[in-house]
């Protein structure tokens, strides 16, 4: 498993950025976000993964990074399921 972006072959790297752009665009519209933060950070989880976060000026961490700031607000199972279906639908339209 890759741990760094530069370890990906060109085809997979391009696919990752196409997906990140597609999901970021959909998330910005769906959530009415003022900013989309896209990051490939992973000091605790070594596998390469990409975060795409919708940001709003009234979120607890604004304008700082979301990690390690503000109180955690767990989602209900219903909300999690609805968000997952929405994201899956966006991926299906790529």
N, C-alpha and C. Protein backbone atom coordinates (compact mmCIF):
# COMPACT_ATOMS: atom_id res chain seq x y z
N UNK A 1 0.85 -1.19 0.00
CA UNK A 1 0.00 0.00 0.00
C UNK A 1 0.89 1.25 0.00
N UNK A 2 0.50 2.22 -0.77
CA UNK A 2 1.25 3.47 -0.85
C UNK A 2 1.08 4.26 0.44
N UNK A 3 2.14 4.95 0.81
CA UNK A 3 2.08 5.84 1.97
C UNK A 3 2.29 7.29 1.58
N UNK A 4 2.74 7.53 0.36
CA UNK A 4 3.03 8.89 -0.11
C UNK A 4 2.49 9.08 -1.53
N UNK A 5 2.10 10.30 -1.85
CA UNK A 5 1.59 10.60 -3.20
C UNK A 5 2.60 10.23 -4.29
N UNK A 6 3.86 10.52 -4.05
CA UNK A 6 4.87 10.27 -5.09
C UNK A 6 5.09 8.78 -5.35
N UNK A 7 4.54 7.91 -4.53
CA UNK A 7 4.65 6.47 -4.74
C UNK A 7 3.61 5.93 -5.72
N UNK A 8 2.61 6.72 -6.03
CA UNK A 8 1.55 6.28 -6.94
C UNK A 8 2.03 6.34 -8.38
N UNK A 9 1.57 5.39 -9.19
CA UNK A 9 1.87 5.51 -10.61
C UNK A 9 1.01 6.62 -11.19
N UNK A 10 1.38 7.11 -12.36
CA UNK A 10 0.72 8.28 -12.95
C UNK A 10 -0.78 8.08 -13.13
N UNK A 11 -1.19 6.90 -13.55
CA UNK A 11 -2.62 6.64 -13.79
C UNK A 11 -3.42 6.75 -12.50
N UNK A 12 -2.93 6.14 -11.44
CA UNK A 12 -3.65 6.18 -10.16
C UNK A 12 -3.61 7.58 -9.56
N UNK A 13 -2.48 8.26 -9.65
CA UNK A 13 -2.38 9.62 -9.13
C UNK A 13 -3.38 10.54 -9.84
N UNK A 14 -3.47 10.42 -11.15
CA UNK A 14 -4.42 11.24 -11.90
C UNK A 14 -5.85 10.92 -11.47
N UNK A 15 -6.16 9.65 -11.31
CA UNK A 15 -7.48 9.23 -10.88
C UNK A 15 -7.83 9.79 -9.50
N UNK A 16 -6.86 9.79 -8.59
CA UNK A 16 -7.08 10.33 -7.25
C UNK A 16 -7.44 11.81 -7.32
N UNK A 17 -6.69 12.58 -8.10
CA UNK A 17 -6.96 14.02 -8.18
C UNK A 17 -8.25 14.32 -8.93
N UNK A 18 -8.59 13.51 -9.93
CA UNK A 18 -9.89 13.68 -10.61
C UNK A 18 -11.01 13.46 -9.60
N UNK A 19 -10.90 12.39 -8.80
CA UNK A 19 -11.92 12.09 -7.80
C UNK A 19 -11.98 13.20 -6.75
N UNK A 20 -10.83 13.67 -6.26
CA UNK A 20 -10.81 14.72 -5.25
C UNK A 20 -11.47 16.00 -5.77
N UNK A 21 -11.18 16.35 -7.01
CA UNK A 21 -11.79 17.55 -7.61
C UNK A 21 -13.29 17.38 -7.75
N UNK A 22 -13.71 16.21 -8.23
CA UNK A 22 -15.13 15.92 -8.43
C UNK A 22 -15.88 15.99 -7.09
N UNK A 23 -15.36 15.29 -6.08
CA UNK A 23 -16.01 15.29 -4.77
C UNK A 23 -15.97 16.67 -4.12
N UNK A 24 -14.87 17.38 -4.25
CA UNK A 24 -14.78 18.73 -3.69
C UNK A 24 -15.81 19.67 -4.28
N UNK A 25 -15.97 19.59 -5.60
CA UNK A 25 -16.96 20.43 -6.29
C UNK A 25 -18.37 20.10 -5.80
N UNK A 26 -18.69 18.80 -5.72
CA UNK A 26 -20.01 18.37 -5.27
C UNK A 26 -20.24 18.75 -3.81
N UNK A 27 -19.24 18.56 -2.98
CA UNK A 27 -19.36 18.87 -1.56
C UNK A 27 -19.54 20.37 -1.34
N UNK A 28 -18.82 21.18 -2.08
CA UNK A 28 -18.95 22.64 -1.93
C UNK A 28 -20.37 23.08 -2.26
N UNK A 29 -20.93 22.53 -3.31
CA UNK A 29 -22.29 22.88 -3.70
C UNK A 29 -23.31 22.34 -2.70
N UNK A 30 -23.21 21.06 -2.38
CA UNK A 30 -24.17 20.40 -1.51
C UNK A 30 -24.20 21.01 -0.11
N UNK A 31 -23.02 21.32 0.43
CA UNK A 31 -22.92 21.85 1.80
C UNK A 31 -22.91 23.37 1.86
N UNK A 32 -22.93 24.01 0.69
CA UNK A 32 -22.85 25.48 0.63
C UNK A 32 -21.61 25.96 1.40
N UNK A 33 -20.50 25.27 1.18
CA UNK A 33 -19.25 25.58 1.88
C UNK A 33 -18.60 26.81 1.27
N UNK A 34 -17.88 27.56 2.09
CA UNK A 34 -17.13 28.71 1.59
C UNK A 34 -15.76 28.27 1.10
N UNK A 35 -15.29 27.10 1.58
CA UNK A 35 -13.97 26.62 1.24
C UNK A 35 -13.94 25.10 1.34
N UNK A 36 -13.23 24.47 0.43
CA UNK A 36 -12.99 23.04 0.50
C UNK A 36 -11.52 22.84 0.81
N UNK A 37 -11.23 22.13 1.90
CA UNK A 37 -9.85 21.80 2.25
C UNK A 37 -9.58 20.39 1.75
N UNK A 38 -8.57 20.25 0.92
CA UNK A 38 -8.16 18.94 0.40
C UNK A 38 -6.74 18.70 0.88
N UNK A 39 -6.54 17.56 1.54
CA UNK A 39 -5.22 17.27 2.10
C UNK A 39 -4.94 15.78 2.07
N UNK A 40 -3.69 15.46 1.88
CA UNK A 40 -3.23 14.08 1.99
C UNK A 40 -2.25 14.05 3.15
N UNK A 41 -2.81 13.97 4.36
CA UNK A 41 -1.97 13.93 5.55
C UNK A 41 -2.21 12.60 6.25
N UNK A 42 -1.23 12.09 6.88
CA UNK A 42 -1.42 10.81 7.53
C UNK A 42 -0.23 10.41 8.37
N UNK A 43 -0.02 11.10 9.46
CA UNK A 43 1.08 10.74 10.34
C UNK A 43 0.71 9.57 11.25
N UNK A 44 -0.55 9.46 11.63
CA UNK A 44 -0.98 8.37 12.50
C UNK A 44 -1.45 7.15 11.71
N UNK A 45 -2.07 7.37 10.58
CA UNK A 45 -2.52 6.30 9.70
C UNK A 45 -1.56 6.31 8.51
N UNK A 46 -0.69 5.31 8.38
CA UNK A 46 0.36 5.38 7.36
C UNK A 46 -0.12 5.22 5.91
N UNK A 47 -1.25 4.56 5.69
CA UNK A 47 -1.72 4.39 4.32
C UNK A 47 -2.11 5.75 3.74
N UNK A 48 -1.77 5.94 2.48
CA UNK A 48 -2.12 7.18 1.80
C UNK A 48 -3.64 7.31 1.77
N UNK A 49 -4.13 8.44 2.18
CA UNK A 49 -5.55 8.74 2.12
C UNK A 49 -5.72 10.24 1.94
N UNK A 50 -6.86 10.62 1.42
CA UNK A 50 -7.11 12.02 1.07
C UNK A 50 -8.32 12.53 1.85
N UNK A 51 -8.17 13.68 2.48
CA UNK A 51 -9.27 14.31 3.21
C UNK A 51 -9.85 15.41 2.33
N UNK A 52 -11.16 15.44 2.22
CA UNK A 52 -11.86 16.50 1.50
C UNK A 52 -12.91 17.03 2.48
N UNK A 53 -12.68 18.26 2.98
CA UNK A 53 -13.47 18.79 4.08
C UNK A 53 -14.16 20.07 3.65
N UNK A 54 -15.48 20.11 3.81
CA UNK A 54 -16.25 21.33 3.54
C UNK A 54 -16.12 22.24 4.75
N UNK A 55 -15.76 23.49 4.51
CA UNK A 55 -15.55 24.44 5.61
C UNK A 55 -16.55 25.59 5.51
N UNK A 56 -16.91 26.08 6.69
CA UNK A 56 -17.82 27.22 6.83
C UNK A 56 -17.20 28.19 7.82
N UNK A 57 -17.45 29.47 7.64
CA UNK A 57 -16.85 30.47 8.53
C UNK A 57 -17.37 30.36 9.96
N UNK A 58 -18.48 29.66 10.17
CA UNK A 58 -19.01 29.53 11.53
C UNK A 58 -18.65 28.19 12.17
N UNK A 59 -17.78 27.38 11.53
CA UNK A 59 -17.40 26.13 12.20
C UNK A 59 -16.42 26.44 13.33
N UNK A 60 -16.37 25.57 14.33
CA UNK A 60 -15.60 25.82 15.55
C UNK A 60 -14.12 26.07 15.31
N UNK A 61 -13.57 25.49 14.26
CA UNK A 61 -12.13 25.61 14.02
C UNK A 61 -11.76 26.74 13.06
N UNK A 62 -12.73 27.32 12.38
CA UNK A 62 -12.45 28.31 11.34
C UNK A 62 -11.57 29.42 11.89
N UNK A 63 -10.56 29.87 11.22
CA UNK A 63 -10.08 29.47 9.90
C UNK A 63 -8.95 28.42 9.96
N UNK A 64 -8.74 27.85 11.13
CA UNK A 64 -7.65 26.90 11.34
C UNK A 64 -8.02 25.50 10.81
N UNK A 65 -7.05 24.60 10.71
CA UNK A 65 -7.37 23.22 10.31
C UNK A 65 -8.36 22.59 11.29
N UNK A 66 -9.17 21.68 10.80
CA UNK A 66 -10.20 21.07 11.63
C UNK A 66 -9.66 20.06 12.63
N UNK A 67 -8.50 19.50 12.37
CA UNK A 67 -7.97 18.46 13.24
C UNK A 67 -7.44 19.04 14.54
N UNK A 68 -7.92 18.47 15.66
CA UNK A 68 -7.43 18.87 16.97
C UNK A 68 -8.03 20.15 17.51
N UNK A 69 -9.10 20.62 16.91
CA UNK A 69 -9.73 21.87 17.36
C UNK A 69 -11.23 21.65 17.53
N UNK A 70 -11.78 22.32 18.52
CA UNK A 70 -13.22 22.27 18.73
C UNK A 70 -13.67 20.94 19.33
N UNK A 71 -14.92 20.91 19.69
CA UNK A 71 -15.52 19.70 20.28
C UNK A 71 -15.95 18.75 19.17
N UNK A 72 -15.85 17.46 19.46
CA UNK A 72 -16.33 16.45 18.51
C UNK A 72 -17.85 16.37 18.62
N UNK A 73 -18.50 16.27 17.48
CA UNK A 73 -19.95 16.13 17.44
C UNK A 73 -20.27 14.90 16.60
N UNK A 74 -20.36 13.73 17.23
CA UNK A 74 -20.63 12.50 16.47
C UNK A 74 -21.94 12.61 15.70
N UNK A 75 -21.93 12.05 14.50
CA UNK A 75 -23.14 12.04 13.68
C UNK A 75 -24.03 10.89 14.11
N UNK A 76 -25.32 11.07 13.93
CA UNK A 76 -26.24 9.95 14.18
C UNK A 76 -26.07 8.92 13.07
N UNK A 77 -26.50 7.71 13.31
CA UNK A 77 -26.41 6.67 12.28
C UNK A 77 -27.21 7.06 11.04
N UNK A 78 -28.33 7.72 11.23
CA UNK A 78 -29.16 8.14 10.09
C UNK A 78 -28.42 9.17 9.25
N UNK A 79 -27.79 10.15 9.90
CA UNK A 79 -27.03 11.17 9.18
C UNK A 79 -25.84 10.56 8.45
N UNK A 80 -25.12 9.65 9.13
CA UNK A 80 -23.98 8.98 8.49
C UNK A 80 -24.43 8.23 7.25
N UNK A 81 -25.52 7.49 7.37
CA UNK A 81 -26.01 6.70 6.23
C UNK A 81 -26.41 7.60 5.08
N UNK A 82 -27.08 8.72 5.37
CA UNK A 82 -27.51 9.65 4.33
C UNK A 82 -26.29 10.26 3.63
N UNK A 83 -25.29 10.65 4.38
CA UNK A 83 -24.08 11.25 3.78
C UNK A 83 -23.35 10.24 2.93
N UNK A 84 -23.26 9.01 3.40
CA UNK A 84 -22.59 7.97 2.64
C UNK A 84 -23.30 7.73 1.30
N UNK A 85 -24.62 7.67 1.32
CA UNK A 85 -25.38 7.50 0.08
C UNK A 85 -25.15 8.66 -0.88
N UNK A 86 -25.12 9.87 -0.35
CA UNK A 86 -24.89 11.06 -1.18
C UNK A 86 -23.51 10.99 -1.83
N UNK A 87 -22.49 10.69 -1.05
CA UNK A 87 -21.13 10.61 -1.59
C UNK A 87 -21.02 9.49 -2.62
N UNK A 88 -21.62 8.36 -2.34
CA UNK A 88 -21.61 7.25 -3.30
C UNK A 88 -22.29 7.65 -4.59
N UNK A 89 -23.35 8.43 -4.51
CA UNK A 89 -24.03 8.88 -5.74
C UNK A 89 -23.12 9.81 -6.55
N UNK A 90 -22.36 10.66 -5.87
CA UNK A 90 -21.43 11.55 -6.56
C UNK A 90 -20.35 10.72 -7.25
N UNK A 91 -19.84 9.70 -6.58
CA UNK A 91 -18.80 8.86 -7.17
C UNK A 91 -19.34 8.12 -8.40
N UNK A 92 -20.61 7.74 -8.34
CA UNK A 92 -21.22 7.05 -9.47
C UNK A 92 -21.39 7.93 -10.70
N UNK A 93 -21.34 9.24 -10.51
CA UNK A 93 -21.52 10.19 -11.62
C UNK A 93 -20.20 10.66 -12.21
N UNK A 94 -19.08 10.08 -11.75
CA UNK A 94 -17.77 10.51 -12.26
C UNK A 94 -17.55 9.98 -13.65
